[in-house]
Amino acid sequence: MVSGPMIRYVEVPYTALSAAALEGLIEEFITREGTEYGHKEHALPDMRAGVRKQIERGLVTIVFDPDSETTTLINRSDLVRLSAREDEAQD
């Protein structure tokens, strides 16, 4: 769990989700407004497969926010930075 005075996330193993739930989460993530995939257009099935591979490799993780009761995907490096920032704020 990543926690701090204002932020608390619970990491969720992708294997704990049903196939349908994982696909829905991936779909929401890739169709989210403001998501940038570069200059080249990518087909939705290709983007789904790419995000799934990143999840399986641990580059993207699933987090649950108990305060808002929402689940989202976050880049592992962003989660590490967020955790470090929260640790610094607690010191």
PDB file of N, CA and C in Angstrom:
ATOM      1  N   MET A   1       0.848  -1.173   0.000  1.00  0.00           N
ATOM      2  CA  MET A   1       0.000   0.000   0.000  1.00  0.00           C
ATOM      3  C   MET A   1       0.889   1.230   0.000  1.00  0.00           C
ATOM      4  N   VAL A   2       0.499   2.207  -0.769  1.00  0.00           N
ATOM      5  CA  VAL A   2       1.152   3.500  -0.790  1.00  0.00           C
ATOM      6  C   VAL A   2       0.259   4.425  -0.001  1.00  0.00           C
ATOM      7  N   SER A   3       0.819   5.056   1.043  1.00  0.00           N
ATOM      8  CA  SER A   3      -0.045   5.909   1.839  1.00  0.00           C
ATOM      9  C   SER A   3       0.678   7.180   2.231  1.00  0.00           C
ATOM     10  N   GLY A   4      -0.082   8.151   2.591  1.00  0.00           N
ATOM     11  CA  GLY A   4       0.449   9.426   3.026  1.00  0.00           C
ATOM     12  C   GLY A   4      -0.669  10.193   3.690  1.00  0.00           C
ATOM     13  N   PRO A   5      -0.396  11.446   4.058  1.00  0.00           N
ATOM     14  CA  PRO A   5      -1.423  12.205   4.756  1.00  0.00           C
ATOM     15  C   PRO A   5      -2.660  12.459   3.908  1.00  0.00           C
ATOM     16  N   MET A   6      -2.523  12.554   2.592  1.00  0.00           N
ATOM     17  CA  MET A   6      -3.665  12.853   1.746  1.00  0.00           C
ATOM     18  C   MET A   6      -3.920  11.768   0.705  1.00  0.00           C
ATOM     19  N   ILE A   7      -2.935  10.931   0.467  1.00  0.00           N
ATOM     20  CA  ILE A   7      -3.060   9.949  -0.606  1.00  0.00           C
ATOM     21  C   ILE A   7      -2.848   8.553  -0.043  1.00  0.00           C
ATOM     22  N   ARG A   8      -3.701   7.641  -0.461  1.00  0.00           N
ATOM     23  CA  ARG A   8      -3.544   6.253  -0.035  1.00  0.00           C
ATOM     24  C   ARG A   8      -4.042   5.378  -1.179  1.00  0.00           C
ATOM     25  N   TYR A   9      -3.157   4.530  -1.652  1.00  0.00           N
ATOM     26  CA  TYR A   9      -3.494   3.624  -2.739  1.00  0.00           C
ATOM     27  C   TYR A   9      -3.192   2.207  -2.312  1.00  0.00           C
ATOM     28  N   VAL A  10      -3.981   1.295  -2.808  1.00  0.00           N
ATOM     29  CA  VAL A  10      -3.731  -0.120  -2.596  1.00  0.00           C
ATOM     30  C   VAL A  10      -3.400  -0.711  -3.962  1.00  0.00           C
ATOM     31  N   GLU A  11      -2.222  -1.297  -4.076  1.00  0.00           N
ATOM     32  CA  GLU A  11      -1.872  -1.951  -5.333  1.00  0.00           C
ATOM     33  C   GLU A  11      -2.664  -3.244  -5.449  1.00  0.00           C
ATOM     34  N   VAL A  12      -3.168  -3.491  -6.634  1.00  0.00           N
ATOM     35  CA  VAL A  12      -3.991  -4.668  -6.898  1.00  0.00           C
ATOM     36  C   VAL A  12      -3.294  -5.520  -7.948  1.00  0.00           C
ATOM     37  N   PRO A  13      -2.958  -6.766  -7.641  1.00  0.00           N
ATOM     38  CA  PRO A  13      -2.360  -7.633  -8.661  1.00  0.00           C
ATOM     39  C   PRO A  13      -3.355  -7.841  -9.803  1.00  0.00           C
ATOM     40  N   TYR A  14      -2.863  -7.753 -11.025  1.00  0.00           N
ATOM     41  CA  TYR A  14      -3.773  -7.907 -12.165  1.00  0.00           C
ATOM     42  C   TYR A  14      -4.415  -9.282 -12.179  1.00  0.00           C
ATOM     43  N   THR A  15      -3.763 -10.255 -11.583  1.00  0.00           N
ATOM     44  CA  THR A  15      -4.310 -11.608 -11.543  1.00  0.00           C
ATOM     45  C   THR A  15      -5.500 -11.720 -10.589  1.00  0.00           C
ATOM     46  N   ALA A  16      -5.711 -10.694  -9.749  1.00  0.00           N
ATOM     47  CA  ALA A  16      -6.838 -10.710  -8.819  1.00  0.00           C
ATOM     48  C   ALA A  16      -8.137 -10.257  -9.481  1.00  0.00           C
ATOM     49  N   LEU A  17      -8.028  -9.691 -10.685  1.00  0.00           N
ATOM     50  CA  LEU A  17      -9.207  -9.216 -11.409  1.00  0.00           C
ATOM     51  C   LEU A  17      -9.693 -10.275 -12.380  1.00  0.00           C
ATOM     52  N   SER A  18     -10.980 -10.272 -12.618  1.00  0.00           N
ATOM     53  CA  SER A  18     -11.516 -11.150 -13.659  1.00  0.00           C
ATOM     54  C   SER A  18     -11.031 -10.624 -15.006  1.00  0.00           C
ATOM     55  N   ALA A  19     -11.072 -11.465 -16.012  1.00  0.00           N
ATOM     56  CA  ALA A  19     -10.649 -11.043 -17.357  1.00  0.00           C
ATOM     57  C   ALA A  19     -11.481  -9.857 -17.834  1.00  0.00           C
ATOM     58  N   ALA A  20     -12.775  -9.882 -17.561  1.00  0.00           N
ATOM     59  CA  ALA A  20     -13.661  -8.797 -17.984  1.00  0.00           C
ATOM     60  C   ALA A  20     -13.330  -7.490 -17.259  1.00  0.00           C
ATOM     61  N   ALA A  21     -13.053  -7.579 -15.973  1.00  0.00           N
ATOM     62  CA  ALA A  21     -12.721  -6.375 -15.200  1.00  0.00           C
ATOM     63  C   ALA A  21     -11.410  -5.774 -15.679  1.00  0.00           C
ATOM     64  N   LEU A  22     -10.430  -6.625 -15.933  1.00  0.00           N
ATOM     65  CA  LEU A  22      -9.139  -6.139 -16.421  1.00  0.00           C
ATOM     66  C   LEU A  22      -9.292  -5.491 -17.788  1.00  0.00           C
ATOM     67  N   GLU A  23     -10.037  -6.112 -18.680  1.00  0.00           N
ATOM     68  CA  GLU A  23     -10.254  -5.536 -20.008  1.00  0.00           C
ATOM     69  C   GLU A  23     -10.984  -4.197 -19.906  1.00  0.00           C
ATOM     70  N   GLY A  24     -11.957  -4.101 -19.006  1.00  0.00           N
ATOM     71  CA  GLY A  24     -12.670  -2.844 -18.817  1.00  0.00           C
ATOM     72  C   GLY A  24     -11.770  -1.739 -18.292  1.00  0.00           C
ATOM     73  N   LEU A  25     -10.887  -2.091 -17.378  1.00  0.00           N
ATOM     74  CA  LEU A  25      -9.944  -1.121 -16.825  1.00  0.00           C
ATOM     75  C   LEU A  25      -8.967  -0.644 -17.892  1.00  0.00           C
ATOM     76  N   ILE A  26      -8.472  -1.580 -18.697  1.00  0.00           N
ATOM     77  CA  ILE A  26      -7.559  -1.230 -19.786  1.00  0.00           C
ATOM     78  C   ILE A  26      -8.270  -0.337 -20.790  1.00  0.00           C
ATOM     79  N   GLU A  27      -9.485  -0.690 -21.149  1.00  0.00           N
ATOM     80  CA  GLU A  27     -10.266   0.099 -22.112  1.00  0.00           C
ATOM     81  C   GLU A  27     -10.482   1.522 -21.602  1.00  0.00           C
ATOM     82  N   GLU A  28     -10.865   1.644 -20.337  1.00  0.00           N
ATOM     83  CA  GLU A  28     -11.077   2.976 -19.758  1.00  0.00           C
ATOM     84  C   GLU A  28      -9.783   3.778 -19.787  1.00  0.00           C
ATOM     85  N   PHE A  29      -8.679   3.129 -19.482  1.00  0.00           N
ATOM     86  CA  PHE A  29      -7.381   3.799 -19.442  1.00  0.00           C
ATOM     87  C   PHE A  29      -6.982   4.325 -20.816  1.00  0.00           C
ATOM     88  N   ILE A  30      -7.126   3.509 -21.842  1.00  0.00           N
ATOM     89  CA  ILE A  30      -6.646   3.931 -23.164  1.00  0.00           C
ATOM     90  C   ILE A  30      -7.597   4.883 -23.865  1.00  0.00           C
ATOM     91  N   THR A  31      -8.843   4.930 -23.432  1.00  0.00           N
ATOM     92  CA  THR A  31      -9.784   5.857 -24.069  1.00  0.00           C
ATOM     93  C   THR A  31      -9.996   7.114 -23.229  1.00  0.00           C
ATOM     94  N   ARG A  32      -9.282   7.213 -22.126  1.00  0.00           N
ATOM     95  CA  ARG A  32      -9.401   8.362 -21.231  1.00  0.00           C
ATOM     96  C   ARG A  32      -8.996   9.637 -21.964  1.00  0.00           C
ATOM     97  N   GLU A  33      -9.756  10.669 -21.786  1.00  0.00           N
ATOM     98  CA  GLU A  33      -9.450  11.948 -22.419  1.00  0.00           C
ATOM     99  C   GLU A  33      -8.095  12.439 -21.927  1.00  0.00           C
ATOM    100  N   GLY A  34      -7.272  12.888 -22.871  1.00  0.00           N
ATOM    101  CA  GLY A  34      -5.960  13.413 -22.522  1.00  0.00           C
ATOM    102  C   GLY A  34      -4.853  12.381 -22.576  1.00  0.00           C
ATOM    103  N   THR A  35      -5.180  11.121 -22.838  1.00  0.00           N
ATOM    104  CA  THR A  35      -4.150  10.100 -22.962  1.00  0.00           C
ATOM    105  C   THR A  35      -3.447  10.287 -24.296  1.00  0.00           C
ATOM    106  N   GLU A  36      -2.129  10.337 -24.258  1.00  0.00           N
ATOM    107  CA  GLU A  36      -1.326  10.634 -25.440  1.00  0.00           C
ATOM    108  C   GLU A  36      -0.528   9.396 -25.852  1.00  0.00           C
ATOM    109  N   TYR A  37      -0.612   9.054 -27.120  1.00  0.00           N
ATOM    110  CA  TYR A  37       0.113   7.886 -27.635  1.00  0.00           C
ATOM    111  C   TYR A  37       1.106   8.254 -28.724  1.00  0.00           C
ATOM    112  N   GLY A  38       1.474   9.518 -28.814  1.00  0.00           N
ATOM    113  CA  GLY A  38       2.454   9.939 -29.812  1.00  0.00           C
ATOM    114  C   GLY A  38       1.796  10.391 -31.094  1.00  0.00           C
ATOM    115  N   HIS A  39       2.613  10.525 -32.117  1.00  0.00           N
ATOM    116  CA  HIS A  39       2.150  11.073 -33.388  1.00  0.00           C
ATOM    117  C   HIS A  39       1.471  10.032 -34.266  1.00  0.00           C
ATOM    118  N   LYS A  40       1.777   8.781 -34.066  1.00  0.00           N
ATOM    119  CA  LYS A  40       1.227   7.711 -34.896  1.00  0.00           C
ATOM    120  C   LYS A  40      -0.110   7.229 -34.332  1.00  0.00           C
ATOM    121  N   GLU A  41      -1.077   7.012 -35.226  1.00  0.00           N
ATOM    122  CA  GLU A  41      -2.364   6.454 -34.809  1.00  0.00           C
ATOM    123  C   GLU A  41      -2.186   4.966 -34.496  1.00  0.00           C
ATOM    124  N   HIS A  42      -2.839   4.511 -33.455  1.00  0.00           N
ATOM    125  CA  HIS A  42      -2.781   3.100 -33.071  1.00  0.00           C
ATOM    126  C   HIS A  42      -4.209   2.559 -33.010  1.00  0.00           C
ATOM    127  N   ALA A  43      -4.379   1.348 -33.485  1.00  0.00           N
ATOM    128  CA  ALA A  43      -5.686   0.697 -33.413  1.00  0.00           C
ATOM    129  C   ALA A  43      -5.973   0.303 -31.966  1.00  0.00           C
ATOM    130  N   LEU A  44      -7.229   0.368 -31.576  1.00  0.00           N
ATOM    131  CA  LEU A  44      -7.632   0.049 -30.213  1.00  0.00           C
ATOM    132  C   LEU A  44      -7.154  -1.340 -29.763  1.00  0.00           C
ATOM    133  N   PRO A  45      -7.281  -2.390 -30.580  1.00  0.00           N
ATOM    134  CA  PRO A  45      -6.780  -3.702 -30.141  1.00  0.00           C
ATOM    135  C   PRO A  45      -5.262  -3.705 -29.890  1.00  0.00           C
ATOM    136  N   ASP A  46      -4.516  -2.947 -30.691  1.00  0.00           N
ATOM    137  CA  ASP A  46      -3.065  -2.865 -30.487  1.00  0.00           C
ATOM    138  C   ASP A  46      -2.739  -2.148 -29.184  1.00  0.00           C
ATOM    139  N   MET A  47      -3.502  -1.074 -28.895  1.00  0.00           N
ATOM    140  CA  MET A  47      -3.276  -0.345 -27.649  1.00  0.00           C
ATOM    141  C   MET A  47      -3.624  -1.224 -26.445  1.00  0.00           C
ATOM    142  N   ARG A  48      -4.734  -1.968 -26.551  1.00  0.00           N
ATOM    143  CA  ARG A  48      -5.110  -2.888 -25.460  1.00  0.00           C
ATOM    144  C   ARG A  48      -3.996  -3.892 -25.193  1.00  0.00           C
ATOM    145  N   ALA A  49      -3.485  -4.488 -26.263  1.00  0.00           N
ATOM    146  CA  ALA A  49      -2.423  -5.493 -26.119  1.00  0.00           C
ATOM    147  C   ALA A  49      -1.168  -4.873 -25.515  1.00  0.00           C
ATOM    148  N   GLY A  50      -0.847  -3.659 -25.929  1.00  0.00           N
ATOM    149  CA  GLY A  50       0.334  -2.985 -25.394  1.00  0.00           C
ATOM    150  C   GLY A  50       0.220  -2.695 -23.913  1.00  0.00           C
ATOM    151  N   VAL A  51      -0.933  -2.218 -23.491  1.00  0.00           N
ATOM    152  CA  VAL A  51      -1.139  -1.921 -22.067  1.00  0.00           C
ATOM    153  C   VAL A  51      -1.129  -3.214 -21.260  1.00  0.00           C
ATOM    154  N   ARG A  52      -1.755  -4.257 -21.788  1.00  0.00           N
ATOM    155  CA  ARG A  52      -1.760  -5.551 -21.085  1.00  0.00           C
ATOM    156  C   ARG A  52      -0.327  -6.058 -20.878  1.00  0.00           C
ATOM    157  N   LYS A  53       0.504  -5.941 -21.902  1.00  0.00           N
ATOM    158  CA  LYS A  53       1.911  -6.377 -21.774  1.00  0.00           C
ATOM    159  C   LYS A  53       2.635  -5.559 -20.707  1.00  0.00           C
ATOM    160  N   GLN A  54       2.365  -4.250 -20.678  1.00  0.00           N
ATOM    161  CA  GLN A  54       3.003  -3.405 -19.662  1.00  0.00           C
ATOM    162  C   GLN A  54       2.559  -3.805 -18.255  1.00  0.00           C
ATOM    163  N   ILE A  55       1.299  -4.167 -18.116  1.00  0.00           N
ATOM    164  CA  ILE A  55       0.798  -4.628 -16.818  1.00  0.00           C
ATOM    165  C   ILE A  55       1.487  -5.939 -16.438  1.00  0.00           C
ATOM    166  N   GLU A  56       1.542  -6.864 -17.367  1.00  0.00           N
ATOM    167  CA  GLU A  56       2.152  -8.169 -17.092  1.00  0.00           C
ATOM    168  C   GLU A  56       3.633  -8.040 -16.759  1.00  0.00           C
ATOM    169  N   ARG A  57       4.317  -7.082 -17.349  1.00  0.00           N
ATOM    170  CA  ARG A  57       5.749  -6.852 -17.085  1.00  0.00           C
ATOM    171  C   ARG A  57       5.987  -6.038 -15.813  1.00  0.00           C
ATOM    172  N   GLY A  58       4.937  -5.487 -15.244  1.00  0.00           N
ATOM    173  CA  GLY A  58       5.077  -4.679 -14.039  1.00  0.00           C
ATOM    174  C   GLY A  58       5.417  -3.228 -14.312  1.00  0.00           C
ATOM    175  N   LEU A  59       5.334  -2.794 -15.554  1.00  0.00           N
ATOM    176  CA  LEU A  59       5.627  -1.404 -15.899  1.00  0.00           C
ATOM    177  C   LEU A  59       4.447  -0.494 -15.582  1.00  0.00           C
ATOM    178  N   VAL A  60       3.269  -1.064 -15.590  1.00  0.00           N
ATOM    179  CA  VAL A  60       2.037  -0.366 -15.233  1.00  0.00           C
ATOM    180  C   VAL A  60       1.376  -1.197 -14.150  1.00  0.00           C
ATOM    181  N   THR A  61       0.852  -0.536 -13.136  1.00  0.00           N
ATOM    182  CA  THR A  61       0.226  -1.257 -12.044  1.00  0.00           C
ATOM    183  C   THR A  61      -1.203  -0.767 -11.826  1.00  0.00           C
ATOM    184  N   ILE A  62      -1.992  -1.586 -11.204  1.00  0.00           N
ATOM    185  CA  ILE A  62      -3.373  -1.262 -10.883  1.00  0.00           C
ATOM    186  C   ILE A  62      -3.406  -0.776  -9.445  1.00  0.00           C
ATOM    187  N   VAL A  63      -4.041   0.375  -9.231  1.00  0.00           N
ATOM    188  CA  VAL A  63      -4.159   0.897  -7.877  1.00  0.00           C
ATOM    189  C   VAL A  63      -5.626   1.202  -7.568  1.00  0.00           C
ATOM    190  N   PHE A  64      -5.971   0.953  -6.333  1.00  0.00           N
ATOM    191  CA  PHE A  64      -7.316   1.237  -5.828  1.00  0.00           C
ATOM    192  C   PHE A  64      -7.203   2.337  -4.791  1.00  0.00           C
ATOM    193  N   ASP A  65      -8.034   3.348  -4.901  1.00  0.00           N
ATOM    194  CA  ASP A  65      -8.090   4.442  -3.938  1.00  0.00           C
ATOM    195  C   ASP A  65      -9.323   4.222  -3.062  1.00  0.00           C
ATOM    196  N   PRO A  66      -9.129   3.812  -1.806  1.00  0.00           N
ATOM    197  CA  PRO A  66     -10.281   3.537  -0.944  1.00  0.00           C
ATOM    198  C   PRO A  66     -11.118   4.774  -0.628  1.00  0.00           C
ATOM    199  N   ASP A  67     -10.510   5.958  -0.656  1.00  0.00           N
ATOM    200  CA  ASP A  67     -11.263   7.178  -0.352  1.00  0.00           C
ATOM    201  C   ASP A  67     -12.295   7.472  -1.432  1.00  0.00           C
ATOM    202  N   SER A  68     -11.880   7.368  -2.701  1.00  0.00           N
ATOM    203  CA  SER A  68     -12.806   7.651  -3.798  1.00  0.00           C
ATOM    204  C   SER A  68     -13.467   6.382  -4.336  1.00  0.00           C
ATOM    205  N   GLU A  69     -12.984   5.234  -3.837  1.00  0.00           N
ATOM    206  CA  GLU A  69     -13.468   3.930  -4.281  1.00  0.00           C
ATOM    207  C   GLU A  69     -13.350   3.769  -5.794  1.00  0.00           C
ATOM    208  N   THR A  70     -12.191   4.200  -6.321  1.00  0.00           N
ATOM    209  CA  THR A  70     -11.915   4.075  -7.749  1.00  0.00           C
ATOM    210  C   THR A  70     -10.644   3.260  -7.954  1.00  0.00           C
ATOM    211  N   THR A  71     -10.574   2.672  -9.119  1.00  0.00           N
ATOM    212  CA  THR A  71      -9.409   1.895  -9.512  1.00  0.00           C
ATOM    213  C   THR A  71      -8.891   2.468 -10.817  1.00  0.00           C
ATOM    214  N   THR A  72      -7.576   2.535 -10.942  1.00  0.00           N
ATOM    215  CA  THR A  72      -6.980   3.057 -12.162  1.00  0.00           C
ATOM    216  C   THR A  72      -5.643   2.379 -12.416  1.00  0.00           C
ATOM    217  N   LEU A  73      -5.096   2.659 -13.577  1.00  0.00           N
ATOM    218  CA  LEU A  73      -3.767   2.185 -13.940  1.00  0.00           C
ATOM    219  C   LEU A  73      -2.800   3.338 -13.783  1.00  0.00           C
ATOM    220  N   ILE A  74      -1.599   3.040 -13.331  1.00  0.00           N
ATOM    221  CA  ILE A  74      -0.578   4.059 -13.184  1.00  0.00           C
ATOM    222  C   ILE A  74       0.771   3.459 -13.563  1.00  0.00           C
ATOM    223  N   ASN A  75       1.574   4.258 -14.218  1.00  0.00           N
ATOM    224  CA  ASN A  75       2.923   3.844 -14.586  1.00  0.00           C
ATOM    225  C   ASN A  75       3.701   3.565 -13.306  1.00  0.00           C
ATOM    226  N   ARG A  76       4.423   2.462 -13.267  1.00  0.00           N
ATOM    227  CA  ARG A  76       5.158   2.058 -12.064  1.00  0.00           C
ATOM    228  C   ARG A  76       6.113   3.158 -11.614  1.00  0.00           C
ATOM    229  N   SER A  77       6.814   3.800 -12.557  1.00  0.00           N
ATOM    230  CA  SER A  77       7.763   4.847 -12.173  1.00  0.00           C
ATOM    231  C   SER A  77       7.036   6.043 -11.552  1.00  0.00           C
ATOM    232  N   ASP A  78       5.835   6.351 -12.031  1.00  0.00           N
ATOM    233  CA  ASP A  78       5.046   7.434 -11.426  1.00  0.00           C
ATOM    234  C   ASP A  78       4.624   7.063 -10.009  1.00  0.00           C
ATOM    235  N   LEU A  79       4.272   5.802  -9.804  1.00  0.00           N
ATOM    236  CA  LEU A  79       3.879   5.342  -8.474  1.00  0.00           C
ATOM    237  C   LEU A  79       5.061   5.409  -7.515  1.00  0.00           C
ATOM    238  N   VAL A  80       6.251   5.048  -7.978  1.00  0.00           N
ATOM    239  CA  VAL A  80       7.450   5.113  -7.147  1.00  0.00           C
ATOM    240  C   VAL A  80       7.746   6.562  -6.773  1.00  0.00           C
ATOM    241  N   ARG A  81       7.634   7.486  -7.752  1.00  0.00           N
ATOM    242  CA  ARG A  81       7.853   8.909  -7.467  1.00  0.00           C
ATOM    243  C   ARG A  81       6.819   9.429  -6.465  1.00  0.00           C
ATOM    244  N   LEU A  82       5.579   9.055  -6.650  1.00  0.00           N
ATOM    245  CA  LEU A  82       4.524   9.474  -5.736  1.00  0.00           C
ATOM    246  C   LEU A  82       4.800   8.957  -4.329  1.00  0.00           C
ATOM    247  N   SER A  83       5.219   7.725  -4.229  1.00  0.00           N
ATOM    248  CA  SER A  83       5.535   7.132  -2.922  1.00  0.00           C
ATOM    249  C   SER A  83       6.675   7.868  -2.251  1.00  0.00           C
ATOM    250  N   ALA A  84       7.714   8.186  -3.031  1.00  0.00           N
ATOM    251  CA  ALA A  84       8.879   8.899  -2.487  1.00  0.00           C
ATOM    252  C   ALA A  84       8.475  10.287  -2.023  1.00  0.00           C
ATOM    253  N   ARG A  85       7.650  10.965  -2.783  1.00  0.00           N
ATOM    254  CA  ARG A  85       7.190  12.305  -2.414  1.00  0.00           C
ATOM    255  C   ARG A  85       6.362  12.237  -1.131  1.00  0.00           C
ATOM    256  N   GLU A  86       5.525  11.223  -1.016  1.00  0.00           N
ATOM    257  CA  GLU A  86       4.715  11.071   0.199  1.00  0.00           C
ATOM    258  C   GLU A  86       5.594  10.752   1.405  1.00  0.00           C
ATOM    259  N   ASP A  87       6.621   9.908   1.196  1.00  0.00           N
ATOM    260  CA  ASP A  87       7.549   9.583   2.295  1.00  0.00           C
ATOM    261  C   ASP A  87       8.261  10.835   2.777  1.00  0.00           C
ATOM    262  N   GLU A  88       8.689  11.693   1.829  1.00  0.00           N
ATOM    263  CA  GLU A  88       9.362  12.935   2.187  1.00  0.00           C
ATOM    264  C   GLU A  88       8.426  13.853   2.972  1.00  0.00           C
ATOM    265  N   ALA A  89       7.174  13.906   2.578  1.00  0.00           N
ATOM    266  CA  ALA A  89       6.194  14.775   3.245  1.00  0.00           C
ATOM    267  C   ALA A  89       5.947  14.323   4.685  1.00  0.00           C
ATOM    268  N   GLN A  90       6.110  13.021   4.951  1.00  0.00           N
ATOM    269  CA  GLN A  90       5.870  12.500   6.299  1.00  0.00           C
ATOM    270  C   GLN A  90       7.055  12.740   7.211  1.00  0.00           C
ATOM    271  N   ASP A  91       8.237  12.946   6.635  1.00  0.00           N
ATOM    272  CA  ASP A  91       9.443  13.148   7.467  1.00  0.00           C
ATOM    273  C   ASP A  91       9.509  14.514   8.089  1.00  0.00           C
TER     274      ASP A  91
END
